[in-house]
Amino acid sequence: MENSELAKVAKKIRRDIVEMIYHAKSGHPGGSLSIADILTVLYFDEMNINVNEVKMPNRDRMVLSKGHAAPALYSTLMEKGFLDKSLITQLRKFGSPLQGHPDLKKIPSIEMSTGSLGQGLSAANGMALSSKIFGPAFRVYAIMGDGELQEGQCYEAAMAAAHYKLDNLVAIIDSNGLQIDGNVKDVMNLISIKDKFVAFGWHVIEINGHDFDQIKEALKEARSIKGKPTAIVANTIKGKGVSFMEGNYGWHGKAPNLQEYEQAMKELD
């Protein structure tokens, strides 16, 4: 897909995110908006998936390890055609499949239930290893948060992925520098995400997570790497696309009021 078309899709996804969180009166807009461009490229340009055969055996898998950014995933699935867009007002409502965190038992196109931070890469490892041992061949993508990397299980999973030479696995780190309590470097400084994954034996690529060319090139490069997994450190802006949310950790987990909703939707027109 051309970048101009990807940009249109990403804008729709961002509008959907704001729409559903406004109607829910709760949710996580900041980290959802920061991964909209990444999800757009994955679902509309990169992944081998089929709306008409959701569970085809050789489909690529995507694990949203930072499960609180579920609105971004739901919005992407809606725009791709995996979910009915009439559900957009049903986020976090009783009986709705759009839980606060992704639930594979509620939505067939979700590969893994997530929400407890630090566990998604372990699940992605299992999928990638299963493909290596039993087939069929497919690729696995795990989207993680930089704040999430403060969890020790992430590094156990990183060590295991390198040990088993999971070159069909790509971890994408949404490095927006912010978490619920403030700056990541102030809460628990990660020093260098890139150096950590290199030390564990990964191939590492650092990009602008809002540049479609860089995202596509990084994913293409990851396909060429053999014998080790790839980590893409995507430098992003929390709340990307909505001026008063951008770079503001206060919008990690807060819903907009009517005035803020209207302003956000106007900016995303």
Foldseek 3Di string as FASTA:
>chain_A
DDPVVLVVLLLQLLLLLQQQLQLVQKAFNFVLNFQSSVLSCCLPPNWAADLVCLPDPATEAEFAQQFSSLSNVVSSCCSSVQDPSVCSSVACNPPACNDSGHDCVSGVNHDDTHHPFLCRLVVQLVVLVCCVPPDDHYAYEYEHEPLSVVDPSNLVSLLVQLVSQSLSYEYEYSYQQAALVGGSCVVPNPPDPQVSSVVSPAAEAEEASNDNVSSVVQSVVSNVDGRGYYYYYHHTWGNPQQVVRTNDSNSRMGRDHPVSSVSSVVSSD
